[in-house]
Amino acid sequence: MSVKDAVAERFHQLCRDRHMKINELANVSGVTPSTAYSMMDATRRDVSIVTIKKFCDGLDITLGEFFSAAVFEQLDQEIQ
């Protein structure tokens, strides 16, 4: 799994846990819904750490809490 896929999966998991939709996460985070959906789109490659931080702020969690999930423990090599 790529880091981009892991980030998207982690946000999907957090939203499911909170019974929240992606557009609701965008709204509480001060991010446009199009940015949120773009980040969740598997065809998009890059993820902005600033956007991740805003989503974490909207969920009232730290970056450390976000990245401490098991999904980040065995990622594919990004260098090719």
PDB file of N, CA and C in Angstrom:
ATOM      1  N   MET A   1       0.845  -1.173   0.000  1.00  0.00           N
ATOM      2  CA  MET A   1       0.000   0.000   0.000  1.00  0.00           C
ATOM      3  C   MET A   1       0.891   1.237   0.000  1.00  0.00           C
ATOM      4  N   SER A   2       0.524   2.217  -0.780  1.00  0.00           N
ATOM      5  CA  SER A   2       1.292   3.465  -0.814  1.00  0.00           C
ATOM      6  C   SER A   2       0.898   4.347   0.371  1.00  0.00           C
ATOM      7  N   VAL A   3       1.740   5.304   0.686  1.00  0.00           N
ATOM      8  CA  VAL A   3       1.440   6.222   1.782  1.00  0.00           C
ATOM      9  C   VAL A   3       0.163   7.016   1.479  1.00  0.00           C
ATOM     10  N   LYS A   4      -0.045   7.385   0.222  1.00  0.00           N
ATOM     11  CA  LYS A   4      -1.244   8.127  -0.178  1.00  0.00           C
ATOM     12  C   LYS A   4      -2.495   7.290   0.100  1.00  0.00           C
ATOM     13  N   ASP A   5      -2.445   5.995  -0.256  1.00  0.00           N
ATOM     14  CA  ASP A   5      -3.580   5.112   0.002  1.00  0.00           C
ATOM     15  C   ASP A   5      -3.808   4.929   1.498  1.00  0.00           C
ATOM     16  N   ALA A   6      -2.726   4.847   2.257  1.00  0.00           N
ATOM     17  CA  ALA A   6      -2.833   4.690   3.710  1.00  0.00           C
ATOM     18  C   ALA A   6      -3.468   5.922   4.350  1.00  0.00           C
ATOM     19  N   VAL A   7      -3.087   7.108   3.888  1.00  0.00           N
ATOM     20  CA  VAL A   7      -3.672   8.346   4.406  1.00  0.00           C
ATOM     21  C   VAL A   7      -5.174   8.372   4.126  1.00  0.00           C
ATOM     22  N   ALA A   8      -5.552   8.050   2.899  1.00  0.00           N
ATOM     23  CA  ALA A   8      -6.978   8.041   2.546  1.00  0.00           C
ATOM     24  C   ALA A   8      -7.732   7.017   3.382  1.00  0.00           C
ATOM     25  N   GLU A   9      -7.163   5.826   3.536  1.00  0.00           N
ATOM     26  CA  GLU A   9      -7.822   4.782   4.333  1.00  0.00           C
ATOM     27  C   GLU A   9      -7.977   5.216   5.786  1.00  0.00           C
ATOM     28  N   ARG A  10      -6.951   5.857   6.326  1.00  0.00           N
ATOM     29  CA  ARG A  10      -7.006   6.324   7.726  1.00  0.00           C
ATOM     30  C   ARG A  10      -8.121   7.356   7.904  1.00  0.00           C
ATOM     31  N   PHE A  11      -8.241   8.302   6.977  1.00  0.00           N
ATOM     32  CA  PHE A  11      -9.312   9.289   7.101  1.00  0.00           C
ATOM     33  C   PHE A  11     -10.678   8.639   6.917  1.00  0.00           C
ATOM     34  N   HIS A  12     -10.794   7.694   6.011  1.00  0.00           N
ATOM     35  CA  HIS A  12     -12.072   6.975   5.862  1.00  0.00           C
ATOM     36  C   HIS A  12     -12.430   6.259   7.164  1.00  0.00           C
ATOM     37  N   GLN A  13     -11.438   5.619   7.788  1.00  0.00           N
ATOM     38  CA  GLN A  13     -11.660   4.917   9.045  1.00  0.00           C
ATOM     39  C   GLN A  13     -12.124   5.880  10.142  1.00  0.00           C
ATOM     40  N   LEU A  14     -11.434   7.009  10.267  1.00  0.00           N
ATOM     41  CA  LEU A  14     -11.795   7.990  11.290  1.00  0.00           C
ATOM     42  C   LEU A  14     -13.195   8.546  11.056  1.00  0.00           C
ATOM     43  N   CYS A  15     -13.538   8.785   9.804  1.00  0.00           N
ATOM     44  CA  CYS A  15     -14.882   9.279   9.492  1.00  0.00           C
ATOM     45  C   CYS A  15     -15.936   8.222   9.820  1.00  0.00           C
ATOM     46  N   ARG A  16     -15.670   6.964   9.476  1.00  0.00           N
ATOM     47  CA  ARG A  16     -16.617   5.882   9.816  1.00  0.00           C
ATOM     48  C   ARG A  16     -16.808   5.800  11.317  1.00  0.00           C
ATOM     49  N   ASP A  17     -15.708   5.866  12.064  1.00  0.00           N
ATOM     50  CA  ASP A  17     -15.774   5.780  13.528  1.00  0.00           C
ATOM     51  C   ASP A  17     -16.615   6.899  14.129  1.00  0.00           C
ATOM     52  N   ARG A  18     -16.616   8.054  13.469  1.00  0.00           N
ATOM     53  CA  ARG A  18     -17.346   9.225  13.976  1.00  0.00           C
ATOM     54  C   ARG A  18     -18.680   9.443  13.255  1.00  0.00           C
ATOM     55  N   HIS A  19     -19.056   8.485  12.410  1.00  0.00           N
ATOM     56  CA  HIS A  19     -20.301   8.593  11.625  1.00  0.00           C
ATOM     57  C   HIS A  19     -20.346   9.927  10.885  1.00  0.00           C
ATOM     58  N   MET A  20     -19.250  10.222  10.224  1.00  0.00           N
ATOM     59  CA  MET A  20     -19.063  11.494   9.536  1.00  0.00           C
ATOM     60  C   MET A  20     -18.781  11.232   8.062  1.00  0.00           C
ATOM     61  N   LYS A  21     -19.297  12.070   7.201  1.00  0.00           N
ATOM     62  CA  LYS A  21     -19.007  11.977   5.777  1.00  0.00           C
ATOM     63  C   LYS A  21     -17.786  12.835   5.457  1.00  0.00           C
ATOM     64  N   ILE A  22     -17.161  12.524   4.330  1.00  0.00           N
ATOM     65  CA  ILE A  22     -15.949  13.242   3.930  1.00  0.00           C
ATOM     66  C   ILE A  22     -16.217  14.739   3.777  1.00  0.00           C
ATOM     67  N   ASN A  23     -17.377  15.102   3.221  1.00  0.00           N
ATOM     68  CA  ASN A  23     -17.666  16.534   3.070  1.00  0.00           C
ATOM     69  C   ASN A  23     -17.866  17.205   4.429  1.00  0.00           C
ATOM     70  N   GLU A  24     -18.356  16.481   5.426  1.00  0.00           N
ATOM     71  CA  GLU A  24     -18.462  17.041   6.777  1.00  0.00           C
ATOM     72  C   GLU A  24     -17.073  17.267   7.372  1.00  0.00           C
ATOM     73  N   LEU A  25     -16.167  16.314   7.134  1.00  0.00           N
ATOM     74  CA  LEU A  25     -14.789  16.479   7.586  1.00  0.00           C
ATOM     75  C   LEU A  25     -14.172  17.720   6.949  1.00  0.00           C
ATOM     76  N   ALA A  26     -14.414  17.903   5.671  1.00  0.00           N
ATOM     77  CA  ALA A  26     -13.905  19.088   4.976  1.00  0.00           C
ATOM     78  C   ALA A  26     -14.433  20.358   5.633  1.00  0.00           C
ATOM     79  N   ASN A  27     -15.721  20.396   5.901  1.00  0.00           N
ATOM     80  CA  ASN A  27     -16.331  21.593   6.481  1.00  0.00           C
ATOM     81  C   ASN A  27     -15.766  21.931   7.860  1.00  0.00           C
ATOM     82  N   VAL A  28     -15.611  20.928   8.740  1.00  0.00           N
ATOM     83  CA  VAL A  28     -15.088  21.217  10.076  1.00  0.00           C
ATOM     84  C   VAL A  28     -13.604  21.516  10.063  1.00  0.00           C
ATOM     85  N   SER A  29     -12.942  21.169   8.959  1.00  0.00           N
ATOM     86  CA  SER A  29     -11.502  21.375   8.850  1.00  0.00           C
ATOM     87  C   SER A  29     -11.128  22.637   8.094  1.00  0.00           C
ATOM     88  N   GLY A  30     -12.113  23.323   7.526  1.00  0.00           N
ATOM     89  CA  GLY A  30     -11.832  24.530   6.765  1.00  0.00           C
ATOM     90  C   GLY A  30     -11.223  24.242   5.411  1.00  0.00           C
ATOM     91  N   VAL A  31     -11.517  23.065   4.872  1.00  0.00           N
ATOM     92  CA  VAL A  31     -11.005  22.643   3.568  1.00  0.00           C
ATOM     93  C   VAL A  31     -12.203  22.501   2.641  1.00  0.00           C
ATOM     94  N   THR A  32     -12.021  22.815   1.379  1.00  0.00           N
ATOM     95  CA  THR A  32     -13.141  22.671   0.454  1.00  0.00           C
ATOM     96  C   THR A  32     -13.452  21.185   0.255  1.00  0.00           C
ATOM     97  N   PRO A  33     -14.734  20.848   0.069  1.00  0.00           N
ATOM     98  CA  PRO A  33     -15.080  19.452  -0.196  1.00  0.00           C
ATOM     99  C   PRO A  33     -14.350  18.889  -1.408  1.00  0.00           C
ATOM    100  N   SER A  34     -14.105  19.703  -2.430  1.00  0.00           N
ATOM    101  CA  SER A  34     -13.394  19.194  -3.607  1.00  0.00           C
ATOM    102  C   SER A  34     -11.971  18.781  -3.254  1.00  0.00           C
ATOM    103  N   THR A  35     -11.329  19.505  -2.345  1.00  0.00           N
ATOM    104  CA  THR A  35      -9.986  19.129  -1.893  1.00  0.00           C
ATOM    105  C   THR A  35     -10.033  17.809  -1.140  1.00  0.00           C
ATOM    106  N   ALA A  36     -11.043  17.650  -0.292  1.00  0.00           N
ATOM    107  CA  ALA A  36     -11.179  16.404   0.474  1.00  0.00           C
ATOM    108  C   ALA A  36     -11.405  15.216  -0.451  1.00  0.00           C
ATOM    109  N   TYR A  37     -12.320  15.354  -1.388  1.00  0.00           N
ATOM    110  CA  TYR A  37     -12.596  14.250  -2.310  1.00  0.00           C
ATOM    111  C   TYR A  37     -11.400  13.977  -3.212  1.00  0.00           C
ATOM    112  N   SER A  38     -10.681  15.004  -3.582  1.00  0.00           N
ATOM    113  CA  SER A  38      -9.486  14.836  -4.406  1.00  0.00           C
ATOM    114  C   SER A  38      -8.436  14.018  -3.658  1.00  0.00           C
ATOM    115  N   MET A  39      -8.272  14.302  -2.379  1.00  0.00           N
ATOM    116  CA  MET A  39      -7.290  13.573  -1.590  1.00  0.00           C
ATOM    117  C   MET A  39      -7.679  12.107  -1.434  1.00  0.00           C
ATOM    118  N   MET A  40      -8.952  11.822  -1.408  1.00  0.00           N
ATOM    119  CA  MET A  40      -9.418  10.448  -1.254  1.00  0.00           C
ATOM    120  C   MET A  40      -9.421   9.680  -2.578  1.00  0.00           C
ATOM    121  N   ASP A  41      -9.245  10.385  -3.676  1.00  0.00           N
ATOM    122  CA  ASP A  41      -9.276   9.790  -5.010  1.00  0.00           C
ATOM    123  C   ASP A  41      -8.006   8.974  -5.260  1.00  0.00           C
ATOM    124  N   ALA A  42      -8.173   7.699  -5.570  1.00  0.00           N
ATOM    125  CA  ALA A  42      -7.031   6.806  -5.770  1.00  0.00           C
ATOM    126  C   ALA A  42      -6.163   7.203  -6.961  1.00  0.00           C
ATOM    127  N   THR A  43      -6.717   7.951  -7.918  1.00  0.00           N
ATOM    128  CA  THR A  43      -5.932   8.341  -9.090  1.00  0.00           C
ATOM    129  C   THR A  43      -5.015   9.523  -8.814  1.00  0.00           C
ATOM    130  N   ARG A  44      -5.241  10.228  -7.730  1.00  0.00           N
ATOM    131  CA  ARG A  44      -4.369  11.357  -7.355  1.00  0.00           C
ATOM    132  C   ARG A  44      -3.147  10.822  -6.636  1.00  0.00           C
ATOM    133  N   ARG A  45      -2.004  11.377  -6.904  1.00  0.00           N
ATOM    134  CA  ARG A  45      -0.761  10.848  -6.354  1.00  0.00           C
ATOM    135  C   ARG A  45      -0.331  11.523  -5.052  1.00  0.00           C
ATOM    136  N   ASP A  46      -0.316  12.832  -5.027  1.00  0.00           N
ATOM    137  CA  ASP A  46       0.272  13.555  -3.900  1.00  0.00           C
ATOM    138  C   ASP A  46      -0.759  13.925  -2.840  1.00  0.00           C
ATOM    139  N   VAL A  47      -0.260  13.988  -1.617  1.00  0.00           N
ATOM    140  CA  VAL A  47      -1.076  14.386  -0.473  1.00  0.00           C
ATOM    141  C   VAL A  47      -0.331  15.503   0.237  1.00  0.00           C
ATOM    142  N   SER A  48      -1.031  16.575   0.535  1.00  0.00           N
ATOM    143  CA  SER A  48      -0.419  17.711   1.222  1.00  0.00           C
ATOM    144  C   SER A  48      -0.435  17.483   2.733  1.00  0.00           C
ATOM    145  N   ILE A  49       0.720  17.636   3.367  1.00  0.00           N
ATOM    146  CA  ILE A  49       0.788  17.499   4.825  1.00  0.00           C
ATOM    147  C   ILE A  49      -0.015  18.603   5.503  1.00  0.00           C
ATOM    148  N   VAL A  50      -0.111  19.759   4.877  1.00  0.00           N
ATOM    149  CA  VAL A  50      -0.915  20.849   5.439  1.00  0.00           C
ATOM    150  C   VAL A  50      -2.387  20.447   5.457  1.00  0.00           C
ATOM    151  N   THR A  51      -2.866  19.807   4.394  1.00  0.00           N
ATOM    152  CA  THR A  51      -4.252  19.346   4.357  1.00  0.00           C
ATOM    153  C   THR A  51      -4.469  18.249   5.393  1.00  0.00           C
ATOM    154  N   ILE A  52      -3.519  17.341   5.524  1.00  0.00           N
ATOM    155  CA  ILE A  52      -3.634  16.296   6.552  1.00  0.00           C
ATOM    156  C   ILE A  52      -3.742  16.938   7.925  1.00  0.00           C
ATOM    157  N   LYS A  53      -2.920  17.937   8.196  1.00  0.00           N
ATOM    158  CA  LYS A  53      -2.953  18.633   9.495  1.00  0.00           C
ATOM    159  C   LYS A  53      -4.301  19.307   9.715  1.00  0.00           C
ATOM    160  N   LYS A  54      -4.850  19.933   8.685  1.00  0.00           N
ATOM    161  CA  LYS A  54      -6.159  20.577   8.828  1.00  0.00           C
ATOM    162  C   LYS A  54      -7.233  19.547   9.144  1.00  0.00           C
ATOM    163  N   PHE A  55      -7.198  18.393   8.473  1.00  0.00           N
ATOM    164  CA  PHE A  55      -8.161  17.334   8.773  1.00  0.00           C
ATOM    165  C   PHE A  55      -7.995  16.844  10.208  1.00  0.00           C
ATOM    166  N   CYS A  56      -6.747  16.685  10.641  1.00  0.00           N
ATOM    167  CA  CYS A  56      -6.504  16.270  12.026  1.00  0.00           C
ATOM    168  C   CYS A  56      -7.047  17.301  13.009  1.00  0.00           C
ATOM    169  N   ASP A  57      -6.841  18.572  12.700  1.00  0.00           N
ATOM    170  CA  ASP A  57      -7.396  19.631  13.552  1.00  0.00           C
ATOM    171  C   ASP A  57      -8.918  19.530  13.605  1.00  0.00           C
ATOM    172  N   GLY A  58      -9.546  19.292  12.467  1.00  0.00           N
ATOM    173  CA  GLY A  58     -11.001  19.149  12.417  1.00  0.00           C
ATOM    174  C   GLY A  58     -11.503  17.953  13.203  1.00  0.00           C
ATOM    175  N   LEU A  59     -10.687  16.913  13.280  1.00  0.00           N
ATOM    176  CA  LEU A  59     -11.043  15.713  14.039  1.00  0.00           C
ATOM    177  C   LEU A  59     -10.571  15.792  15.487  1.00  0.00           C
ATOM    178  N   ASP A  60      -9.880  16.867  15.829  1.00  0.00           N
ATOM    179  CA  ASP A  60      -9.343  17.091  17.169  1.00  0.00           C
ATOM    180  C   ASP A  60      -8.368  15.977  17.582  1.00  0.00           C
ATOM    181  N   ILE A  61      -7.478  15.626  16.635  1.00  0.00           N
ATOM    182  CA  ILE A  61      -6.415  14.674  16.929  1.00  0.00           C
ATOM    183  C   ILE A  61      -5.085  15.271  16.473  1.00  0.00           C
ATOM    184  N   THR A  62      -4.003  14.751  17.004  1.00  0.00           N
ATOM    185  CA  THR A  62      -2.682  15.228  16.607  1.00  0.00           C
ATOM    186  C   THR A  62      -2.193  14.446  15.386  1.00  0.00           C
ATOM    187  N   LEU A  63      -1.171  14.981  14.738  1.00  0.00           N
ATOM    188  CA  LEU A  63      -0.546  14.242  13.646  1.00  0.00           C
ATOM    189  C   LEU A  63       0.031  12.920  14.156  1.00  0.00           C
ATOM    190  N   GLY A  64       0.563  12.937  15.355  1.00  0.00           N
ATOM    191  CA  GLY A  64       1.095  11.709  15.951  1.00  0.00           C
ATOM    192  C   GLY A  64       0.020  10.650  16.120  1.00  0.00           C
ATOM    193  N   GLU A  65      -1.150  11.059  16.584  1.00  0.00           N
ATOM    194  CA  GLU A  65      -2.257  10.117  16.725  1.00  0.00           C
ATOM    195  C   GLU A  65      -2.691   9.594  15.365  1.00  0.00           C
ATOM    196  N   PHE A  66      -2.731  10.483  14.379  1.00  0.00           N
ATOM    197  CA  PHE A  66      -3.132  10.080  13.036  1.00  0.00           C
ATOM    198  C   PHE A  66      -2.191   9.028  12.481  1.00  0.00           C
ATOM    199  N   PHE A  67      -0.882   9.292  12.552  1.00  0.00           N
ATOM    200  CA  PHE A  67       0.107   8.408  11.948  1.00  0.00           C
ATOM    201  C   PHE A  67       0.457   7.197  12.816  1.00  0.00           C
ATOM    202  N   SER A  68      -0.100   7.090  14.010  1.00  0.00           N
ATOM    203  CA  SER A  68       0.196   5.937  14.863  1.00  0.00           C
ATOM    204  C   SER A  68      -0.646   4.714  14.506  1.00  0.00           C
ATOM    205  N   ALA A  69      -1.507   4.813  13.525  1.00  0.00           N
ATOM    206  CA  ALA A  69      -2.367   3.696  13.117  1.00  0.00           C
ATOM    207  C   ALA A  69      -1.551   2.593  12.438  1.00  0.00           C
ATOM    208  N   ALA A  70      -2.011   1.380  12.584  1.00  0.00           N
ATOM    209  CA  ALA A  70      -1.329   0.212  12.025  1.00  0.00           C
ATOM    210  C   ALA A  70      -1.174   0.286  10.509  1.00  0.00           C
ATOM    211  N   VAL A  71      -2.079   0.985   9.841  1.00  0.00           N
ATOM    212  CA  VAL A  71      -2.033   1.065   8.375  1.00  0.00           C
ATOM    213  C   VAL A  71      -0.722   1.681   7.870  1.00  0.00           C
ATOM    214  N   PHE A  72      -0.026   2.428   8.724  1.00  0.00           N
ATOM    215  CA  PHE A  72       1.226   3.074   8.320  1.00  0.00           C
ATOM    216  C   PHE A  72       2.470   2.236   8.614  1.00  0.00           C
ATOM    217  N   GLU A  73       2.298   1.078   9.219  1.00  0.00           N
ATOM    218  CA  GLU A  73       3.456   0.296   9.642  1.00  0.00           C
ATOM    219  C   GLU A  73       4.131  -0.497   8.533  1.00  0.00           C
ATOM    220  N   GLN A  74       3.412  -0.859   7.488  1.00  0.00           N
ATOM    221  CA  GLN A  74       4.013  -1.640   6.410  1.00  0.00           C
ATOM    222  C   GLN A  74       3.628  -1.050   5.065  1.00  0.00           C
ATOM    223  N   LEU A  75       4.222   0.069   4.750  1.00  0.00           N
ATOM    224  CA  LEU A  75       3.945   0.750   3.488  1.00  0.00           C
ATOM    225  C   LEU A  75       4.905   0.305   2.402  1.00  0.00           C
ATOM    226  N   ASP A  76       4.460   0.413   1.168  1.00  0.00           N
ATOM    227  CA  ASP A  76       5.322   0.127   0.034  1.00  0.00           C
ATOM    228  C   ASP A  76       6.452   1.153  -0.022  1.00  0.00           C
ATOM    229  N   GLN A  77       7.550   0.771  -0.605  1.00  0.00           N
ATOM    230  CA  GLN A  77       8.677   1.671  -0.817  1.00  0.00           C
ATOM    231  C   GLN A  77       8.255   2.763  -1.811  1.00  0.00           C
ATOM    232  N   GLU A  78       8.465   4.019  -1.480  1.00  0.00           N
ATOM    233  CA  GLU A  78       8.096   5.133  -2.362  1.00  0.00           C
ATOM    234  C   GLU A  78       9.193   5.433  -3.373  1.00  0.00           C
ATOM    235  N   ILE A  79      10.417   5.036  -3.086  1.00  0.00           N
ATOM    236  CA  ILE A  79      11.536   5.261  -4.004  1.00  0.00           C
ATOM    237  C   ILE A  79      11.557   4.115  -5.003  1.00  0.00           C
ATOM    238  N   GLN A  80      11.619   4.464  -6.285  1.00  0.00           N
ATOM    239  CA  GLN A  80      11.607   3.408  -7.296  1.00  0.00           C
ATOM    240  C   GLN A  80      12.745   3.533  -8.244  1.00  0.00           C
TER     241      GLN A  80
END
